[in-house]
Amino acid sequence: MPSLYNTHPKTYGPGSHQCRVCFNRHGLIRKYGLSICRQCFRERANLIGFHKVGACVTIDILCSTE
């Protein structure tokens, strides 16, 4: 009898989507249709058009440049 493991393609869950760059299935960012894993996103964020925003959020007095 042939093996029935993974004979039907998955359309749900973590095994159904993969990174479009490295084909990894872990840590996938699917928001905005990116479909890129977090490692590839960090390498290519500037090329895509994302940029970091200032780190100071909680205390405005310490973050001011004046």
PDB file of N, CA and C in Angstrom:
ATOM      1  N   MET A   1       0.844  -1.176   0.000  1.00  0.00           N
ATOM      2  CA  MET A   1       0.000   0.000   0.000  1.00  0.00           C
ATOM      3  C   MET A   1       0.893   1.245   0.000  1.00  0.00           C
ATOM      4  N   PRO A   2       0.636   2.210  -0.888  1.00  0.00           N
ATOM      5  CA  PRO A   2       1.467   3.424  -0.927  1.00  0.00           C
ATOM      6  C   PRO A   2       1.219   4.308   0.289  1.00  0.00           C
ATOM      7  N   SER A   3       2.200   5.140   0.582  1.00  0.00           N
ATOM      8  CA  SER A   3       2.090   6.050   1.715  1.00  0.00           C
ATOM      9  C   SER A   3       1.096   7.165   1.393  1.00  0.00           C
ATOM     10  N   LEU A   4       0.242   7.458   2.329  1.00  0.00           N
ATOM     11  CA  LEU A   4      -0.761   8.503   2.130  1.00  0.00           C
ATOM     12  C   LEU A   4      -0.367   9.817   2.789  1.00  0.00           C
ATOM     13  N   TYR A   5       0.861   9.917   3.297  1.00  0.00           N
ATOM     14  CA  TYR A   5       1.325  11.118   3.987  1.00  0.00           C
ATOM     15  C   TYR A   5       1.589  12.224   2.968  1.00  0.00           C
ATOM     16  N   ASN A   6       0.954  13.361   3.130  1.00  0.00           N
ATOM     17  CA  ASN A   6       1.100  14.537   2.259  1.00  0.00           C
ATOM     18  C   ASN A   6       0.747  14.249   0.801  1.00  0.00           C
ATOM     19  N   THR A   7      -0.253  13.436   0.558  1.00  0.00           N
ATOM     20  CA  THR A   7      -0.675  13.213  -0.820  1.00  0.00           C
ATOM     21  C   THR A   7      -1.603  14.321  -1.301  1.00  0.00           C
ATOM     22  N   HIS A   8      -2.258  14.986  -0.373  1.00  0.00           N
ATOM     23  CA  HIS A   8      -3.146  16.090  -0.717  1.00  0.00           C
ATOM     24  C   HIS A   8      -2.478  17.392  -0.292  1.00  0.00           C
ATOM     25  N   PRO A   9      -2.355  18.389  -1.175  1.00  0.00           N
ATOM     26  CA  PRO A   9      -1.680  19.641  -0.794  1.00  0.00           C
ATOM     27  C   PRO A   9      -2.439  20.390   0.300  1.00  0.00           C
ATOM     28  N   LYS A  10      -1.692  20.961   1.240  1.00  0.00           N
ATOM     29  CA  LYS A  10      -2.310  21.704   2.342  1.00  0.00           C
ATOM     30  C   LYS A  10      -2.693  23.104   1.878  1.00  0.00           C
ATOM     31  N   THR A  11      -3.857  23.543   2.288  1.00  0.00           N
ATOM     32  CA  THR A  11      -4.296  24.894   1.953  1.00  0.00           C
ATOM     33  C   THR A  11      -4.494  25.725   3.208  1.00  0.00           C
ATOM     34  N   TYR A  12      -4.082  25.197   4.367  1.00  0.00           N
ATOM     35  CA  TYR A  12      -4.252  25.908   5.630  1.00  0.00           C
ATOM     36  C   TYR A  12      -3.085  25.557   6.539  1.00  0.00           C
ATOM     37  N   GLY A  13      -2.854  26.391   7.535  1.00  0.00           N
ATOM     38  CA  GLY A  13      -1.814  26.119   8.525  1.00  0.00           C
ATOM     39  C   GLY A  13      -0.436  26.586   8.085  1.00  0.00           C
ATOM     40  N   PRO A  14       0.574  26.365   8.940  1.00  0.00           N
ATOM     41  CA  PRO A  14       1.920  26.871   8.656  1.00  0.00           C
ATOM     42  C   PRO A  14       2.603  26.187   7.478  1.00  0.00           C
ATOM     43  N   GLY A  15       2.190  24.986   7.126  1.00  0.00           N
ATOM     44  CA  GLY A  15       2.826  24.292   6.013  1.00  0.00           C
ATOM     45  C   GLY A  15       2.308  24.703   4.659  1.00  0.00           C
ATOM     46  N   SER A  16       1.311  25.554   4.617  1.00  0.00           N
ATOM     47  CA  SER A  16       0.702  25.908   3.340  1.00  0.00           C
ATOM     48  C   SER A  16       1.316  27.152   2.708  1.00  0.00           C
ATOM     49  N   HIS A  17       2.063  27.942   3.480  1.00  0.00           N
ATOM     50  CA  HIS A  17       2.669  29.167   2.956  1.00  0.00           C
ATOM     51  C   HIS A  17       4.175  29.107   3.147  1.00  0.00           C
ATOM     52  N   GLN A  18       4.917  29.774   2.251  1.00  0.00           N
ATOM     53  CA  GLN A  18       6.365  29.790   2.361  1.00  0.00           C
ATOM     54  C   GLN A  18       6.903  31.142   1.923  1.00  0.00           C
ATOM     55  N   CYS A  19       8.130  31.423   2.336  1.00  0.00           N
ATOM     56  CA  CYS A  19       8.797  32.671   1.980  1.00  0.00           C
ATOM     57  C   CYS A  19       9.068  32.685   0.484  1.00  0.00           C
ATOM     58  N   ARG A  20       8.812  33.813  -0.160  1.00  0.00           N
ATOM     59  CA  ARG A  20       9.039  33.896  -1.595  1.00  0.00           C
ATOM     60  C   ARG A  20      10.514  34.050  -1.940  1.00  0.00           C
ATOM     61  N   VAL A  21      11.380  34.298  -0.940  1.00  0.00           N
ATOM     62  CA  VAL A  21      12.813  34.463  -1.183  1.00  0.00           C
ATOM     63  C   VAL A  21      13.562  33.163  -0.922  1.00  0.00           C
ATOM     64  N   CYS A  22      13.419  32.616   0.302  1.00  0.00           N
ATOM     65  CA  CYS A  22      14.209  31.443   0.698  1.00  0.00           C
ATOM     66  C   CYS A  22      13.367  30.184   0.869  1.00  0.00           C
ATOM     67  N   PHE A  23      12.070  30.256   0.642  1.00  0.00           N
ATOM     68  CA  PHE A  23      11.142  29.125   0.731  1.00  0.00           C
ATOM     69  C   PHE A  23      11.063  28.522   2.132  1.00  0.00           C
ATOM     70  N   ASN A  24      11.391  29.321   3.157  1.00  0.00           N
ATOM     71  CA  ASN A  24      11.267  28.903   4.542  1.00  0.00           C
ATOM     72  C   ASN A  24       9.795  28.969   4.939  1.00  0.00           C
ATOM     73  N   ARG A  25       9.381  28.136   5.874  1.00  0.00           N
ATOM     74  CA  ARG A  25       7.988  28.122   6.312  1.00  0.00           C
ATOM     75  C   ARG A  25       7.809  28.699   7.707  1.00  0.00           C
ATOM     76  N   HIS A  26       8.872  29.154   8.351  1.00  0.00           N
ATOM     77  CA  HIS A  26       8.808  29.645   9.730  1.00  0.00           C
ATOM     78  C   HIS A  26       8.973  31.160   9.768  1.00  0.00           C
ATOM     79  N   GLY A  27       8.269  31.828  10.672  1.00  0.00           N
ATOM     80  CA  GLY A  27       8.401  33.272  10.861  1.00  0.00           C
ATOM     81  C   GLY A  27       7.938  34.079   9.666  1.00  0.00           C
ATOM     82  N   LEU A  28       6.860  33.671   9.053  1.00  0.00           N
ATOM     83  CA  LEU A  28       6.400  34.286   7.817  1.00  0.00           C
ATOM     84  C   LEU A  28       5.604  35.556   8.088  1.00  0.00           C
ATOM     85  N   ILE A  29       5.890  36.620   7.346  1.00  0.00           N
ATOM     86  CA  ILE A  29       5.146  37.880   7.411  1.00  0.00           C
ATOM     87  C   ILE A  29       4.254  37.930   6.177  1.00  0.00           C
ATOM     88  N   ARG A  30       2.965  37.740   6.389  1.00  0.00           N
ATOM     89  CA  ARG A  30       2.021  37.727   5.277  1.00  0.00           C
ATOM     90  C   ARG A  30       1.266  39.040   5.130  1.00  0.00           C
ATOM     91  N   LYS A  31       1.460  39.969   6.069  1.00  0.00           N
ATOM     92  CA  LYS A  31       0.732  41.230   6.038  1.00  0.00           C
ATOM     93  C   LYS A  31       1.115  42.022   4.790  1.00  0.00           C
ATOM     94  N   TYR A  32       0.159  42.723   4.227  1.00  0.00           N
ATOM     95  CA  TYR A  32       0.305  43.521   3.005  1.00  0.00           C
ATOM     96  C   TYR A  32       0.721  42.670   1.811  1.00  0.00           C
ATOM     97  N   GLY A  33       0.526  41.360   1.881  1.00  0.00           N
ATOM     98  CA  GLY A  33       0.884  40.491   0.765  1.00  0.00           C
ATOM     99  C   GLY A  33       2.374  40.283   0.595  1.00  0.00           C
ATOM    100  N   LEU A  34       3.164  40.487   1.661  1.00  0.00           N
ATOM    101  CA  LEU A  34       4.616  40.338   1.558  1.00  0.00           C
ATOM    102  C   LEU A  34       5.029  38.887   1.355  1.00  0.00           C
ATOM    103  N   SER A  35       4.538  37.978   2.196  1.00  0.00           N
ATOM    104  CA  SER A  35       4.909  36.561   2.166  1.00  0.00           C
ATOM    105  C   SER A  35       6.422  36.380   2.199  1.00  0.00           C
ATOM    106  N   ILE A  36       7.067  37.054   3.149  1.00  0.00           N
ATOM    107  CA  ILE A  36       8.515  36.970   3.340  1.00  0.00           C
ATOM    108  C   ILE A  36       8.763  36.588   4.789  1.00  0.00           C
ATOM    109  N   CYS A  37       9.740  35.704   5.032  1.00  0.00           N
ATOM    110  CA  CYS A  37      10.057  35.350   6.412  1.00  0.00           C
ATOM    111  C   CYS A  37      10.751  36.534   7.082  1.00  0.00           C
ATOM    112  N   ARG A  38      10.764  36.532   8.402  1.00  0.00           N
ATOM    113  CA  ARG A  38      11.275  37.690   9.138  1.00  0.00           C
ATOM    114  C   ARG A  38      12.763  37.905   8.910  1.00  0.00           C
ATOM    115  N   GLN A  39      13.529  36.845   8.671  1.00  0.00           N
ATOM    116  CA  GLN A  39      14.959  37.003   8.416  1.00  0.00           C
ATOM    117  C   GLN A  39      15.194  37.709   7.078  1.00  0.00           C
ATOM    118  N   CYS A  40      14.494  37.289   6.046  1.00  0.00           N
ATOM    119  CA  CYS A  40      14.632  37.929   4.734  1.00  0.00           C
ATOM    120  C   CYS A  40      14.091  39.352   4.763  1.00  0.00           C
ATOM    121  N   PHE A  41      13.043  39.600   5.569  1.00  0.00           N
ATOM    122  CA  PHE A  41      12.497  40.947   5.677  1.00  0.00           C
ATOM    123  C   PHE A  41      13.523  41.900   6.267  1.00  0.00           C
ATOM    124  N   ARG A  42      14.251  41.467   7.303  1.00  0.00           N
ATOM    125  CA  ARG A  42      15.254  42.338   7.917  1.00  0.00           C
ATOM    126  C   ARG A  42      16.377  42.662   6.944  1.00  0.00           C
ATOM    127  N   GLU A  43      16.731  41.722   6.077  1.00  0.00           N
ATOM    128  CA  GLU A  43      17.791  41.954   5.098  1.00  0.00           C
ATOM    129  C   GLU A  43      17.341  42.903   3.994  1.00  0.00           C
ATOM    130  N   ARG A  44      16.072  42.869   3.637  1.00  0.00           N
ATOM    131  CA  ARG A  44      15.595  43.595   2.460  1.00  0.00           C
ATOM    132  C   ARG A  44      14.587  44.694   2.763  1.00  0.00           C
ATOM    133  N   ALA A  45      14.438  45.079   4.033  1.00  0.00           N
ATOM    134  CA  ALA A  45      13.412  46.058   4.415  1.00  0.00           C
ATOM    135  C   ALA A  45      13.619  47.398   3.721  1.00  0.00           C
ATOM    136  N   ASN A  46      14.845  47.885   3.632  1.00  0.00           N
ATOM    137  CA  ASN A  46      15.100  49.176   2.986  1.00  0.00           C
ATOM    138  C   ASN A  46      14.814  49.123   1.492  1.00  0.00           C
ATOM    139  N   LEU A  47      15.106  48.010   0.849  1.00  0.00           N
ATOM    140  CA  LEU A  47      14.827  47.881  -0.583  1.00  0.00           C
ATOM    141  C   LEU A  47      13.327  47.877  -0.865  1.00  0.00           C
ATOM    142  N   ILE A  48      12.556  47.312   0.064  1.00  0.00           N
ATOM    143  CA  ILE A  48      11.107  47.253  -0.104  1.00  0.00           C
ATOM    144  C   ILE A  48      10.476  48.616   0.152  1.00  0.00           C
ATOM    145  N   GLY A  49      11.091  49.419   1.026  1.00  0.00           N
ATOM    146  CA  GLY A  49      10.555  50.738   1.319  1.00  0.00           C
ATOM    147  C   GLY A  49      10.197  50.960   2.770  1.00  0.00           C
ATOM    148  N   PHE A  50      10.510  50.013   3.632  1.00  0.00           N
ATOM    149  CA  PHE A  50      10.262  50.165   5.061  1.00  0.00           C
ATOM    150  C   PHE A  50      11.471  50.820   5.715  1.00  0.00           C
ATOM    151  N   HIS A  51      11.235  51.580   6.784  1.00  0.00           N
ATOM    152  CA  HIS A  51      12.330  52.174   7.543  1.00  0.00           C
ATOM    153  C   HIS A  51      11.951  52.203   9.011  1.00  0.00           C
ATOM    154  N   LYS A  52      12.962  52.195   9.864  1.00  0.00           N
ATOM    155  CA  LYS A  52      12.722  52.189  11.303  1.00  0.00           C
ATOM    156  C   LYS A  52      12.255  53.556  11.763  1.00  0.00           C
ATOM    157  N   VAL A  53      11.384  53.557  12.757  1.00  0.00           N
ATOM    158  CA  VAL A  53      10.909  54.777  13.381  1.00  0.00           C
ATOM    159  C   VAL A  53      11.640  54.899  14.704  1.00  0.00           C
ATOM    160  N   GLY A  54      11.762  56.112  15.261  1.00  0.00           N
ATOM    161  CA  GLY A  54      12.501  56.337  16.497  1.00  0.00           C
ATOM    162  C   GLY A  54      12.147  55.372  17.603  1.00  0.00           C
ATOM    163  N   ALA A  55      13.135  55.034  18.419  1.00  0.00           N
ATOM    164  CA  ALA A  55      12.946  54.041  19.474  1.00  0.00           C
ATOM    165  C   ALA A  55      12.276  54.635  20.708  1.00  0.00           C
ATOM    166  N   CYS A  56      12.374  55.944  20.936  1.00  0.00           N
ATOM    167  CA  CYS A  56      11.805  56.565  22.136  1.00  0.00           C
ATOM    168  C   CYS A  56      10.306  56.771  21.943  1.00  0.00           C
ATOM    169  N   VAL A  57       9.536  56.094  22.758  1.00  0.00           N
ATOM    170  CA  VAL A  57       8.090  56.197  22.641  1.00  0.00           C
ATOM    171  C   VAL A  57       7.462  56.617  23.959  1.00  0.00           C
ATOM    172  N   THR A  58       7.989  56.143  25.094  1.00  0.00           N
ATOM    173  CA  THR A  58       7.291  56.306  26.360  1.00  0.00           C
ATOM    174  C   THR A  58       7.513  57.669  27.003  1.00  0.00           C
ATOM    175  N   ILE A  59       8.742  58.146  27.099  1.00  0.00           N
ATOM    176  CA  ILE A  59       9.031  59.388  27.808  1.00  0.00           C
ATOM    177  C   ILE A  59       9.518  60.428  26.803  1.00  0.00           C
ATOM    178  N   ASP A  60       8.720  61.469  26.578  1.00  0.00           N
ATOM    179  CA  ASP A  60       9.057  62.488  25.597  1.00  0.00           C
ATOM    180  C   ASP A  60      10.161  63.420  26.081  1.00  0.00           C
ATOM    181  N   ILE A  61      10.317  63.593  27.382  1.00  0.00           N
ATOM    182  CA  ILE A  61      11.331  64.513  27.910  1.00  0.00           C
ATOM    183  C   ILE A  61      12.734  64.002  27.600  1.00  0.00           C
ATOM    184  N   LEU A  62      12.950  62.719  27.757  1.00  0.00           N
ATOM    185  CA  LEU A  62      14.269  62.145  27.501  1.00  0.00           C
ATOM    186  C   LEU A  62      14.574  62.028  26.013  1.00  0.00           C
ATOM    187  N   CYS A  63      13.555  62.000  25.186  1.00  0.00           N
ATOM    188  CA  CYS A  63      13.751  61.807  23.757  1.00  0.00           C
ATOM    189  C   CYS A  63      13.910  63.109  22.989  1.00  0.00           C
ATOM    190  N   SER A  64      13.616  64.230  23.594  1.00  0.00           N
ATOM    191  CA  SER A  64      13.698  65.489  22.863  1.00  0.00           C
ATOM    192  C   SER A  64      15.150  65.834  22.570  1.00  0.00           C
ATOM    193  N   THR A  65      15.388  66.460  21.417  1.00  0.00           N
ATOM    194  CA  THR A  65      16.747  66.798  20.989  1.00  0.00           C
ATOM    195  C   THR A  65      17.137  68.221  21.357  1.00  0.00           C
ATOM    196  N   GLU A  66      16.281  68.954  22.031  1.00  0.00           N
ATOM    197  CA  GLU A  66      16.570  70.345  22.383  1.00  0.00           C
ATOM    198  C   GLU A  66      17.500  70.449  23.560  1.00  0.00           C
TER     199      GLU A  66
END
